Amino acid sequence: MNVYDSHRMADILHPLGYRAVDTPDDADMVILNTCHIREKATDKVFSDLGRMRDHKDERAKSGKKTLVAVAGCVAQAEGELIMDRAPYVDLVFGPQTYHELPEMVVRALGERVVNTDFPVESKFDSLPVDHVTQDGPSAFVSIQEGCDKFCTFCVVPYTRGAEYSRPAEKILDEAKTLRDRGVKDITLLGQNVNAYHGEAADGSTWSLGRLIQALGDIDGVERIRYMTSHPRDVDQDLIDAHRDVPALMPFMHLPVQSGSDAILKSMNRKHTADHYREIIAKLRAARPDIAFSSDFIVGFPGETEADFEATMQLVRDVRYMSAYSFKYSARPGTPAANMQGLVHDAIMDERLQRLQALLMEQQREFNTAMIGQTVPVLFDGRGRKDGQLYGRTPWNQPMHVMAPAQYFGQIAQVRVNDATATSITGELAQ
């Protein structure tokens, strides 16, 4: 989501004469686009801001003005604190306001600006149609923002606001525009993407599954992905889309967080571990080659060894191709931050190591099982070696292949020769 937001900020700033650069060395404006999910990310903001201050001071010696901005969820949650702790910051604005960037930039030339409102109108209504920063065959499209779930550990409802779904026609039009620019692979984004309930042209409400069906009918859109999903919103429409839409890739990121019903209840997830297993079974029945990734929180307040073992058993039952796992990080303002039964950091470390070892073993097995297979790879990047292209399989695995430059932006058949826990390698089959 932040990658998408950053690109759209660049699109908005383009008419003002700005263009994106790779380093801040001689930039007239530096925007830190931030995440507030974990404490480490918040700490990194202030660390990076210190470097930006040095950069700003250095340019000032030669009479050059540099605007320093903090955007995103840390800005939304900590706007006043940032302005107090970092007086050299010129703009602070939340994720729902970046369509107002031109006005904010003009104001920031004369005064410090803080904008953490939740505007009544959707920011999507004000975004430029063109994607100035789009380059390559893969693109993100934001279809939904915000969350109404209020998991007790999560700040998203407070920083991104209530669930909002874009109208279906706007999404289809954006997909067609991207297709016309050579995009073949579209990833649909949302904090709660499968809670999508957008209005269609006929006034009806479309689910994510119905939207995917329509996107799959667009000639030239060859790959569709989406993230991030919530188990409570996996409905029959979405399961049917995995069965019926060839362009929908056989991969799903479905966070579970814990395998313990007691912890899931404390997290306010409103599903059980067995309900999650049932969803996995239905999706595998509809699309036998589908693979899953997930998110796990270790050491949530009150987690016992038995609770943790229930998580390990869920991992053994589901078998993931990849996963993100973290120690619990208390976020100020969330209900979990005030819970009793904190787990000692050393116990969290030990449990996390056990979980990650199991997940890494499964990831290695999934990748190793691909050796000898021939799979379609979309080349959407260039490798570090001369003559090397980077691409992704239908299961989202990264792959580096020696291939002629003309294969960039194309889907080619690749024979898998080797695999590690984190990537696979191969050669062109043709």
Protein backbone atom coordinates (compact mmCIF):
# COMPACT_ATOMS: atom_id res chain seq x y z
CA MET A 1 0.00 0.00 0.00
CA ASN A 2 2.80 2.44 0.83
CA VAL A 3 4.56 1.70 -2.47
CA TYR A 4 1.31 2.48 -4.28
CA ASP A 5 0.76 5.64 -2.23
CA SER A 6 4.32 6.80 -2.91
CA HIS A 7 3.87 6.38 -6.64
CA ARG A 8 0.61 8.30 -6.58
CA MET A 9 2.26 11.13 -4.62
CA ALA A 10 4.84 11.34 -7.40
CA ASP A 11 2.00 11.45 -9.94
CA ILE A 12 0.34 14.32 -8.05
CA LEU A 13 3.57 16.30 -7.72
CA HIS A 14 4.58 15.85 -11.37
CA PRO A 15 2.55 18.83 -12.70
CA LEU A 16 4.37 21.05 -10.17
CA GLY A 17 7.68 20.17 -11.81
CA TYR A 18 8.79 17.44 -9.42
CA ARG A 19 10.08 14.06 -10.53
CA ALA A 20 11.16 11.11 -8.42
CA VAL A 21 14.89 10.60 -7.80
CA ASP A 22 16.76 7.64 -6.34
CA THR A 23 18.63 9.47 -3.55
CA PRO A 24 17.98 12.58 -1.44
CA ASP A 25 21.41 14.05 -2.26
CA ASP A 26 20.12 17.01 -4.26
CA ALA A 27 16.37 16.64 -3.81
CA ASP A 28 14.19 19.72 -3.36
CA MET A 29 11.74 17.65 -1.34
CA VAL A 30 12.11 14.47 0.71
CA ILE A 31 8.98 12.55 1.76
CA LEU A 32 9.22 9.74 4.32
CA ASN A 33 6.15 7.58 3.71
CA THR A 34 5.64 5.67 6.92
CA CYS A 35 4.05 2.64 8.54
CA HIS A 36 2.80 2.49 12.14
CA ILE A 37 2.13 -1.25 12.43
CA ARG A 38 5.18 -1.98 14.57
CA GLU A 39 7.24 0.08 17.00
CA LYS A 40 10.45 -0.54 15.04
CA ALA A 41 9.01 1.24 12.00
CA THR A 42 8.09 4.27 14.09
CA ASP A 43 11.58 4.43 15.63
CA LYS A 44 13.10 4.31 12.15
CA VAL A 45 11.20 7.46 11.17
CA PHE A 46 13.00 9.58 13.74
CA SER A 47 16.34 7.96 12.86
CA ASP A 48 15.85 8.80 9.17
CA LEU A 49 14.65 12.31 10.00
CA GLY A 50 17.98 12.98 11.69
CA ARG A 51 19.76 12.21 8.42
CA MET A 52 17.31 14.41 6.52
CA ARG A 53 18.13 17.30 8.84
CA ASP A 54 21.83 17.01 7.91
CA HIS A 55 20.87 16.87 4.23
CA LYS A 56 18.67 19.95 4.58
CA ASP A 57 21.37 21.91 6.43
CA GLU A 58 24.01 21.01 3.85
CA ARG A 59 21.88 22.25 0.95
CA ALA A 60 21.00 25.41 2.86
CA LYS A 61 24.70 26.38 2.90
CA SER A 62 24.51 26.85 -0.87
CA GLY A 63 21.19 28.67 -0.71
CA LYS A 64 19.00 25.71 -1.66
CA LYS A 65 15.72 25.09 0.15
CA THR A 66 14.66 21.54 0.96
CA LEU A 67 11.16 20.58 2.05
CA VAL A 68 11.10 17.63 4.45
CA ALA A 69 7.78 15.81 4.81
CA VAL A 70 6.48 12.86 6.82
CA ALA A 71 3.51 11.05 5.30
CA GLY A 72 1.50 7.95 6.10
CA CYS A 73 0.39 6.29 9.29
CA VAL A 74 3.11 7.51 11.66
CA ALA A 75 2.27 11.03 10.51
CA GLN A 76 -1.40 10.36 11.19
CA ALA A 77 -0.78 9.02 14.68
CA GLU A 78 2.18 11.12 15.80
CA GLY A 79 1.80 14.36 13.84
CA GLU A 80 2.18 16.81 16.70
CA LEU A 81 5.02 14.79 18.27
CA ILE A 82 6.94 14.86 14.99
CA MET A 83 6.56 18.61 14.71
CA ASP A 84 7.74 19.05 18.30
CA ARG A 85 10.70 16.65 18.11
CA ALA A 86 11.79 17.60 14.59
CA PRO A 87 11.38 21.37 14.05
CA TYR A 88 13.07 21.08 10.64
CA VAL A 89 10.11 19.04 9.28
CA ASP A 90 7.97 21.20 6.99
CA LEU A 91 4.97 18.97 6.28
CA VAL A 92 3.19 16.20 8.16
CA PHE A 93 0.19 14.61 6.47
CA GLY A 94 -1.84 11.44 6.91
CA PRO A 95 -2.62 8.76 4.30
CA GLN A 96 -6.06 10.17 3.51
CA THR A 97 -4.80 13.63 2.50
CA TYR A 98 -2.02 13.19 -0.04
CA HIS A 99 -4.32 14.28 -2.89
CA GLU A 100 -4.04 17.74 -1.29
CA LEU A 101 -0.24 17.76 -1.72
CA PRO A 102 -0.05 20.64 -4.26
CA GLU A 103 -1.85 22.99 -1.87
CA MET A 104 0.19 21.76 1.11
CA VAL A 105 3.50 22.24 -0.75
CA VAL A 106 2.62 25.85 -1.58
CA ARG A 107 1.69 26.51 2.06
CA ALA A 108 4.87 24.81 3.33
CA LEU A 109 7.03 27.35 1.49
CA GLY A 110 5.85 29.88 4.09
CA GLU A 111 4.72 27.88 7.12
CA ARG A 112 4.85 24.43 8.69
CA VAL A 113 1.89 22.26 7.70
CA VAL A 114 0.13 19.50 9.63
CA ASN A 115 -2.79 17.77 7.91
CA THR A 116 -4.11 14.63 9.61
CA ASP A 117 -7.79 15.09 8.78
CA PHE A 118 -10.08 12.40 7.45
CA PRO A 119 -11.67 14.30 4.52
CA VAL A 120 -15.33 13.68 3.73
CA GLU A 121 -14.55 13.23 0.04
CA SER A 122 -12.45 10.28 -1.03
CA LYS A 123 -8.87 11.03 -1.98
CA PHE A 124 -9.34 8.66 -4.92
CA ASP A 125 -11.76 11.13 -6.52
CA SER A 126 -8.94 13.68 -6.74
CA LEU A 127 -6.09 11.50 -8.01
CA PRO A 128 -4.77 12.04 -11.55
CA VAL A 129 -5.82 9.37 -14.02
CA ASP A 130 -2.33 9.00 -15.48
CA HIS A 131 0.33 6.95 -13.69
CA VAL A 132 3.45 9.01 -14.35
CA THR A 133 5.68 6.71 -12.31
CA GLN A 134 4.48 3.45 -13.86
CA ASP A 135 7.30 1.58 -15.58
CA GLY A 136 7.12 -2.13 -16.25
CA PRO A 137 4.54 -4.89 -16.59
CA SER A 138 3.45 -5.09 -12.93
CA ALA A 139 1.38 -2.52 -11.03
CA PHE A 140 -0.54 -2.01 -7.81
CA VAL A 141 -4.14 -0.78 -7.79
CA SER A 142 -5.69 0.32 -4.51
CA ILE A 143 -9.33 -0.77 -4.33
CA GLN A 144 -10.11 -0.51 -0.62
CA GLU A 145 -8.78 1.33 2.41
CA GLY A 146 -9.34 1.29 6.12
CA CYS A 147 -10.62 -1.38 8.44
CA ASP A 148 -13.66 -1.90 10.66
CA LYS A 149 -12.38 -5.08 12.35
CA PHE A 150 -10.63 -3.46 15.35
CA CYS A 151 -8.23 -6.28 16.19
CA THR A 152 -6.94 -5.38 19.64
CA PHE A 153 -3.28 -5.20 18.54
CA CYS A 154 -3.77 -3.09 15.40
CA VAL A 155 -3.59 0.67 14.75
CA VAL A 156 -4.97 0.56 11.19
CA PRO A 157 -8.57 1.58 12.06
CA TYR A 158 -7.17 4.62 13.85
CA THR A 159 -4.67 5.67 11.17
CA ARG A 160 -6.45 4.65 7.94
CA GLY A 161 -10.02 5.14 9.11
CA ALA A 162 -13.18 3.19 8.34
CA GLU A 163 -13.49 0.76 5.45
CA TYR A 164 -14.00 2.47 2.09
CA SER A 165 -14.34 0.71 -1.27
CA ARG A 166 -13.74 2.45 -4.59
CA PRO A 167 -16.47 2.24 -7.26
CA ALA A 168 -15.96 -0.76 -9.52
CA GLU A 169 -15.94 1.28 -12.75
CA LYS A 170 -13.10 3.49 -11.48
CA ILE A 171 -11.02 0.40 -10.74
CA LEU A 172 -11.77 -1.16 -14.13
CA ASP A 173 -10.88 2.11 -15.89
CA GLU A 174 -7.58 2.31 -14.00
CA ALA A 175 -6.81 -1.30 -14.90
CA LYS A 176 -7.48 -0.56 -18.59
CA THR A 177 -5.23 2.52 -18.44
CA LEU A 178 -2.45 0.43 -16.95
CA ARG A 179 -3.05 -2.31 -19.53
CA ASP A 180 -2.63 0.28 -22.29
CA ARG A 181 0.76 1.17 -20.76
CA GLY A 182 1.94 -2.43 -20.99
CA VAL A 183 0.90 -3.73 -17.56
CA LYS A 184 0.10 -7.43 -17.52
CA ASP A 185 0.15 -8.13 -13.75
CA ILE A 186 -2.15 -6.20 -11.38
CA THR A 187 -2.11 -6.56 -7.61
CA LEU A 188 -5.26 -5.28 -5.89
CA LEU A 189 -4.53 -3.59 -2.57
CA GLY A 190 -6.44 -2.93 0.60
CA GLN A 191 -5.90 -3.06 4.34
CA ASN A 192 -8.82 -5.48 4.25
CA VAL A 193 -8.98 -6.13 0.53
CA ASN A 194 -11.54 -8.94 0.57
CA ALA A 195 -13.96 -6.72 2.52
CA TYR A 196 -14.34 -4.87 -0.79
CA HIS A 197 -17.95 -3.85 -1.45
CA GLY A 198 -17.79 -1.32 -4.26
CA GLU A 199 -20.70 0.16 -6.16
CA ALA A 200 -21.07 -1.04 -9.74
CA ALA A 201 -22.33 1.01 -12.71
CA ASP A 202 -25.84 -0.45 -12.36
CA GLY A 203 -26.04 0.52 -8.68
CA SER A 204 -25.44 -2.99 -7.37
CA THR A 205 -22.66 -3.84 -4.90
CA TRP A 206 -19.77 -5.97 -6.07
CA SER A 207 -17.69 -8.26 -3.90
CA LEU A 208 -13.98 -8.80 -4.46
CA GLY A 209 -14.76 -12.05 -6.29
CA ARG A 210 -17.13 -10.26 -8.67
CA LEU A 211 -14.57 -7.51 -9.29
CA ILE A 212 -11.88 -10.09 -10.07
CA GLN A 213 -14.18 -11.75 -12.59
CA ALA A 214 -14.61 -8.41 -14.39
CA LEU A 215 -10.87 -7.70 -14.32
CA GLY A 216 -10.23 -11.17 -15.70
CA ASP A 217 -12.34 -10.26 -18.74
CA ILE A 218 -10.07 -7.33 -19.66
CA ASP A 219 -7.97 -8.36 -22.63
CA GLY A 220 -4.28 -7.99 -21.81
CA VAL A 221 -4.61 -8.36 -18.04
CA GLU A 222 -2.91 -11.72 -17.67
CA ARG A 223 -2.23 -11.90 -13.94
CA ILE A 224 -4.33 -10.77 -10.98
CA ARG A 225 -3.29 -10.87 -7.32
CA TYR A 226 -4.65 -9.26 -4.16
CA MET A 227 -3.61 -8.55 -0.59
CA THR A 228 -4.18 -8.39 2.35
CA SER A 229 -7.17 -10.57 3.27
CA HIS A 230 -9.04 -11.29 6.48
CA PRO A 231 -10.46 -14.79 7.12
CA ARG A 232 -13.85 -13.34 8.10
CA ASP A 233 -14.32 -11.92 4.59
CA VAL A 234 -13.47 -15.00 2.51
CA ASP A 235 -16.84 -15.62 0.85
CA GLN A 236 -18.08 -18.02 -1.82
CA ASP A 237 -17.66 -15.39 -4.58
CA LEU A 238 -13.94 -15.22 -3.85
CA ILE A 239 -13.57 -18.99 -3.68
CA ASP A 240 -15.40 -19.30 -7.01
CA ALA A 241 -13.11 -16.67 -8.56
CA HIS A 242 -10.09 -18.82 -7.69
CA ARG A 243 -11.81 -21.69 -9.47
CA ASP A 244 -13.12 -19.80 -12.52
CA VAL A 245 -10.75 -16.91 -13.38
CA PRO A 246 -7.59 -18.14 -15.13
CA ALA A 247 -5.81 -14.81 -14.60
CA LEU A 248 -6.19 -15.03 -10.82
CA MET A 249 -2.91 -16.40 -9.54
CA PRO A 250 -2.92 -19.54 -7.32
CA PHE A 251 -1.60 -17.68 -4.29
CA MET A 252 -3.27 -16.08 -1.27
CA HIS A 253 -1.91 -14.14 1.67
CA LEU A 254 -4.32 -14.95 4.50
CA PRO A 255 -3.12 -13.73 7.93
CA VAL A 256 -4.19 -15.84 10.91
CA GLN A 257 -1.93 -14.34 13.65
CA SER A 258 -2.37 -17.29 16.06
CA GLY A 259 -3.54 -20.89 16.11
CA SER A 260 -5.00 -20.60 19.62
CA ASP A 261 -8.72 -19.89 19.94
CA ALA A 262 -8.12 -18.19 23.30
CA ILE A 263 -5.57 -15.81 21.78
CA LEU A 264 -7.68 -15.25 18.67
CA LYS A 265 -10.55 -14.22 20.94
CA SER A 266 -8.28 -11.89 22.89
CA MET A 267 -7.13 -10.42 19.59
CA ASN A 268 -10.79 -9.87 18.58
CA ARG A 269 -10.20 -11.74 15.34
CA LYS A 270 -13.76 -13.17 15.43
CA HIS A 271 -12.78 -16.50 13.88
CA THR A 272 -11.44 -19.74 15.29
CA ALA A 273 -8.47 -21.82 14.20
CA ASP A 274 -10.80 -24.50 12.80
CA HIS A 275 -12.77 -21.89 10.85
CA TYR A 276 -9.47 -20.83 9.29
CA ARG A 277 -8.65 -24.47 8.45
CA GLU A 278 -12.07 -24.83 6.78
CA ILE A 279 -11.41 -21.78 4.58
CA ILE A 280 -8.06 -23.23 3.50
CA ALA A 281 -9.73 -26.56 2.65
CA LYS A 282 -12.45 -24.87 0.56
CA LEU A 283 -9.90 -22.85 -1.40
CA ARG A 284 -7.76 -25.92 -2.04
CA ALA A 285 -10.81 -27.84 -3.24
CA ALA A 286 -11.58 -25.01 -5.67
CA ARG A 287 -7.97 -24.54 -6.81
CA PRO A 288 -5.78 -27.54 -5.94
CA ASP A 289 -2.49 -25.80 -6.77
CA ILE A 290 -3.15 -22.75 -4.58
CA ALA A 291 -0.43 -21.83 -2.06
CA PHE A 292 -0.73 -19.73 1.07
CA SER A 293 1.28 -17.24 3.06
CA SER A 294 0.29 -15.76 6.40
CA ASP A 295 1.15 -13.43 9.31
CA PHE A 296 1.89 -14.58 12.86
CA ILE A 297 2.27 -12.67 16.12
CA VAL A 298 4.28 -14.46 18.80
CA GLY A 299 4.02 -13.51 22.46
CA PHE A 300 0.66 -11.76 22.43
CA PRO A 301 -0.33 -10.87 26.04
CA GLY A 302 -1.53 -14.00 27.85
CA GLU A 303 0.01 -16.46 25.36
CA THR A 304 0.92 -19.71 27.12
CA GLU A 305 3.12 -22.50 25.85
CA ALA A 306 -0.07 -24.42 24.98
CA ASP A 307 -1.34 -21.43 22.97
CA PHE A 308 1.95 -21.27 21.10
CA GLU A 309 1.89 -25.01 20.42
CA ALA A 310 -1.60 -24.55 18.90
CA THR A 311 -0.03 -22.06 16.48
CA MET A 312 2.71 -24.54 15.60
CA GLN A 313 0.08 -27.23 14.98
CA LEU A 314 -1.88 -24.91 12.69
CA VAL A 315 1.28 -24.28 10.68
CA ARG A 316 1.87 -28.04 10.41
CA ASP A 317 -1.73 -28.56 9.27
CA VAL A 318 -1.86 -25.78 6.66
CA ARG A 319 1.71 -25.91 5.29
CA TYR A 320 2.67 -22.45 4.06
CA MET A 321 4.88 -21.46 1.16
CA SER A 322 5.96 -18.31 3.04
CA ALA A 323 5.02 -16.26 6.08
CA TYR A 324 5.76 -13.14 8.10
CA SER A 325 6.25 -13.68 11.81
CA PHE A 326 6.98 -11.14 14.51
CA LYS A 327 7.20 -10.70 18.24
CA TYR A 328 4.22 -8.82 19.65
CA SER A 329 4.78 -5.07 19.56
CA ALA A 330 2.45 -2.95 21.69
CA ARG A 331 1.01 0.00 19.82
CA PRO A 332 -0.12 2.98 21.92
CA GLY A 333 -3.85 3.53 21.85
CA THR A 334 -4.77 -0.08 21.08
CA PRO A 335 -6.65 -2.24 23.64
CA ALA A 336 -3.86 -4.83 23.72
CA ALA A 337 -1.38 -2.21 24.92
CA ASN A 338 -3.18 -2.23 28.29
CA MET A 339 -3.55 -6.00 28.63
CA GLN A 340 -2.07 -8.03 31.48
CA GLY A 341 -0.04 -11.23 31.12
CA LEU A 342 2.89 -9.83 29.16
CA VAL A 343 5.22 -12.50 27.80
CA HIS A 344 8.88 -12.15 28.73
CA ASP A 345 11.03 -11.03 25.81
CA ALA A 346 13.35 -14.04 26.12
CA ILE A 347 10.36 -16.40 25.83
CA MET A 348 9.10 -14.49 22.81
CA ASP A 349 12.54 -14.80 21.19
CA GLU A 350 12.68 -18.55 21.76
CA ARG A 351 9.16 -19.12 20.45
CA LEU A 352 9.75 -16.96 17.41
CA GLN A 353 12.88 -18.93 16.55
CA ARG A 354 10.94 -22.21 16.74
CA LEU A 355 8.12 -20.87 14.59
CA GLN A 356 10.43 -19.37 11.99
CA ALA A 357 12.42 -22.60 11.77
CA LEU A 358 9.22 -24.53 10.99
CA LEU A 359 8.05 -21.93 8.48
CA MET A 360 11.44 -21.84 6.79
CA GLU A 361 11.44 -25.64 6.52
CA GLN A 362 8.03 -25.53 4.79
CA GLN A 363 9.14 -22.71 2.51
CA ARG A 364 12.24 -24.66 1.48
CA GLU A 365 10.17 -27.78 0.81
CA PHE A 366 7.72 -25.84 -1.35
CA ASN A 367 10.49 -24.31 -3.43
CA THR A 368 12.50 -27.53 -3.69
CA ALA A 369 9.43 -29.38 -4.99
CA MET A 370 9.48 -27.02 -7.99
CA ILE A 371 12.86 -28.34 -9.25
CA GLY A 372 12.38 -29.94 -12.65
CA GLN A 373 9.08 -28.17 -13.31
CA THR A 374 8.53 -25.64 -16.08
CA VAL A 375 6.59 -22.59 -14.93
CA PRO A 376 5.47 -19.30 -16.51
CA VAL A 377 7.47 -16.32 -15.24
CA LEU A 378 6.64 -12.67 -15.86
CA PHE A 379 9.88 -10.71 -16.14
CA ASP A 380 9.23 -7.37 -14.45
CA GLY A 381 12.72 -6.40 -13.28
CA ARG A 382 16.38 -6.51 -14.21
CA GLY A 383 18.84 -8.53 -12.16
CA ARG A 384 22.14 -7.33 -10.72
CA LYS A 385 24.15 -9.39 -13.21
CA ASP A 386 24.50 -8.41 -16.87
CA GLY A 387 22.00 -10.32 -18.97
CA GLN A 388 19.89 -11.31 -15.98
CA LEU A 389 16.18 -10.63 -15.61
CA TYR A 390 14.04 -10.85 -12.50
CA GLY A 391 10.51 -12.22 -12.45
CA ARG A 392 7.85 -13.94 -10.40
CA THR A 393 6.12 -17.27 -10.75
CA PRO A 394 2.33 -17.62 -10.37
CA TRP A 395 3.02 -18.40 -6.68
CA ASN A 396 4.83 -15.08 -6.25
CA GLN A 397 8.27 -16.67 -5.90
CA PRO A 398 11.16 -14.42 -6.97
CA MET A 399 13.26 -15.82 -9.78
CA HIS A 400 16.47 -14.67 -11.49
CA VAL A 401 17.07 -15.96 -15.01
CA MET A 402 19.70 -15.27 -17.66
CA ALA A 403 17.57 -14.03 -20.53
CA PRO A 404 17.78 -11.58 -23.46
CA ALA A 405 16.62 -8.04 -22.70
CA GLN A 406 13.63 -8.35 -25.04
CA TYR A 407 12.04 -10.76 -22.55
CA PHE A 408 11.49 -7.86 -20.11
CA GLY A 409 7.74 -7.34 -19.74
CA GLN A 410 6.98 -10.77 -21.20
CA ILE A 411 5.82 -14.07 -19.74
CA ALA A 412 8.14 -16.94 -20.61
CA GLN A 413 8.36 -20.60 -19.72
CA VAL A 414 11.23 -21.26 -17.32
CA ARG A 415 12.60 -24.62 -16.19
CA VAL A 416 13.42 -24.64 -12.47
CA ASN A 417 16.94 -25.93 -11.83
CA ASP A 418 17.63 -25.07 -8.21
CA ALA A 419 15.91 -23.72 -5.11
CA THR A 420 16.62 -22.28 -1.70
CA ALA A 421 14.25 -21.33 1.10
CA THR A 422 13.89 -17.81 -0.33
CA SER A 423 14.14 -18.13 -4.11
CA ILE A 424 14.30 -20.41 -7.09
CA THR A 425 16.54 -20.28 -10.16
CA GLY A 426 16.14 -21.65 -13.64
CA GLU A 427 16.68 -21.23 -17.35
CA LEU A 428 14.50 -20.39 -20.32
CA ALA A 429 12.72 -23.51 -21.51
CA GLN A 430 12.44 -22.36 -25.12
